[in-house]
Amino acid sequence: MPHTVFITPPLATVGITEAYARANGYRVKIASQPVADIVAMPRAYIVEDTRGMMKFVLDAETDEILGAALLSVDAQELINTVSLAMRHGIRAAELRDAVYTHPTSTEAFNDVLATVVRSDV
């Protein structure tokens, strides 16, 4: 179940954390990026708020989205898309490769999910 802390910028989360995934035997991949470095997130620049970070925890074997933490402008909206993807088995690569309307914050998924690093050591 997604939830949001309405601070500025909002912090929205869904699913499990990296620590929980590791403690429960998942082999994980991590995709994360500071909002200021996300070129494909024009809305953050339009509203002049590039603070924050986006992080996804992915199953290393299946590319399933296990969890996400979004600290950014529009995070309260973005988390709903991530939650829907998780509920319907949409893999991280599919979310990464989708075409989103421009200029929106959802476009950030294209960049952030391209930063996947295997970290199941």
Protein backbone atom coordinates (compact mmCIF):
# COMPACT_ATOMS: atom_id res chain seq x y z
CA MET A 1 0.00 0.00 0.00
CA PRO A 2 1.54 3.34 -1.01
CA HIS A 3 1.79 6.17 1.45
CA THR A 4 3.04 9.73 1.48
CA VAL A 5 4.40 12.13 4.06
CA PHE A 6 3.31 15.55 2.86
CA ILE A 7 6.46 17.53 3.47
CA THR A 8 8.21 19.70 0.88
CA PRO A 9 9.11 17.92 -1.30
CA PRO A 10 6.79 14.98 -0.52
CA LEU A 11 8.19 11.60 0.53
CA ALA A 12 6.25 8.66 -0.89
CA THR A 13 6.98 4.97 -0.42
CA VAL A 14 5.57 1.61 -1.41
CA GLY A 15 6.69 -1.97 -0.90
CA ILE A 16 9.78 -3.07 1.00
CA THR A 17 13.09 -1.38 1.72
CA GLU A 18 16.51 -2.54 0.58
CA ALA A 19 17.39 -3.53 4.14
CA TYR A 20 14.23 -5.62 4.53
CA ALA A 21 14.75 -7.28 1.14
CA ARG A 22 18.32 -8.25 2.02
CA ALA A 23 17.35 -9.47 5.50
CA ASN A 24 14.72 -11.70 3.90
CA GLY A 25 17.00 -13.32 1.36
CA TYR A 26 16.20 -11.36 -1.79
CA ARG A 27 18.95 -10.80 -4.33
CA VAL A 28 18.46 -7.14 -5.21
CA LYS A 29 19.28 -4.54 -7.78
CA ILE A 30 19.04 -0.86 -6.91
CA ALA A 31 18.12 2.05 -9.15
CA SER A 32 18.57 5.47 -7.58
CA GLN A 33 19.29 9.00 -8.63
CA PRO A 34 19.18 12.48 -7.11
CA VAL A 35 16.35 14.52 -8.63
CA ALA A 36 18.82 17.25 -9.62
CA ASP A 37 20.57 14.71 -11.89
CA ILE A 38 17.40 13.43 -13.60
CA VAL A 39 17.50 15.06 -17.00
CA ALA A 40 14.18 13.51 -18.00
CA MET A 41 12.23 15.16 -15.19
CA PRO A 42 11.37 18.55 -16.66
CA ARG A 43 8.59 19.28 -14.19
CA ALA A 44 11.10 19.58 -11.32
CA TYR A 45 12.93 22.26 -13.27
CA ILE A 46 9.72 24.02 -14.33
CA VAL A 47 8.59 24.38 -10.70
CA GLU A 48 12.19 25.10 -9.64
CA ASP A 49 12.40 22.30 -7.06
CA THR A 50 15.09 19.75 -7.87
CA ARG A 51 15.60 18.61 -4.29
CA GLY A 52 15.27 14.96 -3.39
CA MET A 53 16.07 11.45 -4.53
CA MET A 54 14.35 8.47 -6.12
CA LYS A 55 15.21 4.88 -5.23
CA PHE A 56 13.82 1.56 -6.47
CA VAL A 57 14.51 -1.86 -4.96
CA LEU A 58 14.27 -4.59 -7.60
CA ASP A 59 14.48 -8.37 -7.53
CA ALA A 60 17.77 -9.21 -9.29
CA GLU A 61 16.37 -12.36 -10.89
CA THR A 62 12.92 -11.27 -12.06
CA ASP A 63 13.21 -7.45 -12.39
CA GLU A 64 10.13 -7.24 -10.15
CA ILE A 65 9.74 -3.94 -8.31
CA LEU A 66 9.95 -4.80 -4.62
CA GLY A 67 9.74 -1.26 -3.31
CA ALA A 68 10.36 2.41 -3.99
CA ALA A 69 11.04 5.59 -2.06
CA LEU A 70 10.48 8.88 -3.87
CA LEU A 71 11.45 12.19 -2.31
CA SER A 72 10.57 14.69 -5.00
CA VAL A 73 8.08 17.10 -6.44
CA ASP A 74 4.94 15.12 -7.37
CA ALA A 75 6.07 12.02 -5.41
CA GLN A 76 2.54 11.71 -4.01
CA GLU A 77 1.31 11.13 -7.57
CA LEU A 78 4.25 9.13 -8.92
CA ILE A 79 4.00 6.51 -6.18
CA ASN A 80 0.54 5.55 -7.45
CA THR A 81 2.01 4.55 -10.81
CA VAL A 82 4.71 2.48 -9.09
CA SER A 83 2.13 0.82 -6.84
CA LEU A 84 -0.07 -0.02 -9.83
CA ALA A 85 2.93 -1.51 -11.65
CA MET A 86 3.76 -3.63 -8.61
CA ARG A 87 0.19 -4.90 -8.25
CA HIS A 88 0.00 -5.91 -11.90
CA GLY A 89 3.43 -7.47 -12.28
CA ILE A 90 4.86 -4.77 -14.52
CA ARG A 91 8.63 -5.14 -14.41
CA ALA A 92 11.09 -2.30 -13.88
CA ALA A 93 12.28 -2.46 -17.50
CA GLU A 94 8.72 -1.94 -18.72
CA LEU A 95 8.27 1.09 -16.47
CA ARG A 96 11.69 2.38 -17.63
CA ASP A 97 10.87 1.99 -21.33
CA ALA A 98 7.35 3.44 -21.25
CA VAL A 99 6.54 6.69 -23.02
CA TYR A 100 5.12 9.34 -20.69
CA THR A 101 3.53 12.70 -21.43
CA HIS A 102 5.86 15.70 -21.51
CA PRO A 103 6.59 17.67 -19.41
CA THR A 104 5.73 15.51 -16.40
CA SER A 105 7.48 14.05 -13.40
CA THR A 106 6.65 10.52 -14.53
CA GLU A 107 9.33 10.88 -17.19
CA ALA A 108 11.84 10.47 -14.35
CA PHE A 109 11.20 6.71 -14.43
CA ASN A 110 13.00 6.58 -17.80
CA ASP A 111 16.23 7.92 -16.26
CA VAL A 112 16.11 6.52 -12.75
CA LEU A 113 15.35 2.95 -13.78
CA ALA A 114 18.22 3.10 -16.29
CA THR A 115 20.68 3.43 -13.37
CA VAL A 116 20.18 -0.15 -12.14
CA VAL A 117 23.15 -1.51 -10.24
CA ARG A 118 23.32 -5.10 -9.11
CA SER A 119 23.98 -5.00 -5.39
CA ASP A 120 23.23 -8.47 -4.16
CA VAL A 121 26.68 -9.00 -2.68
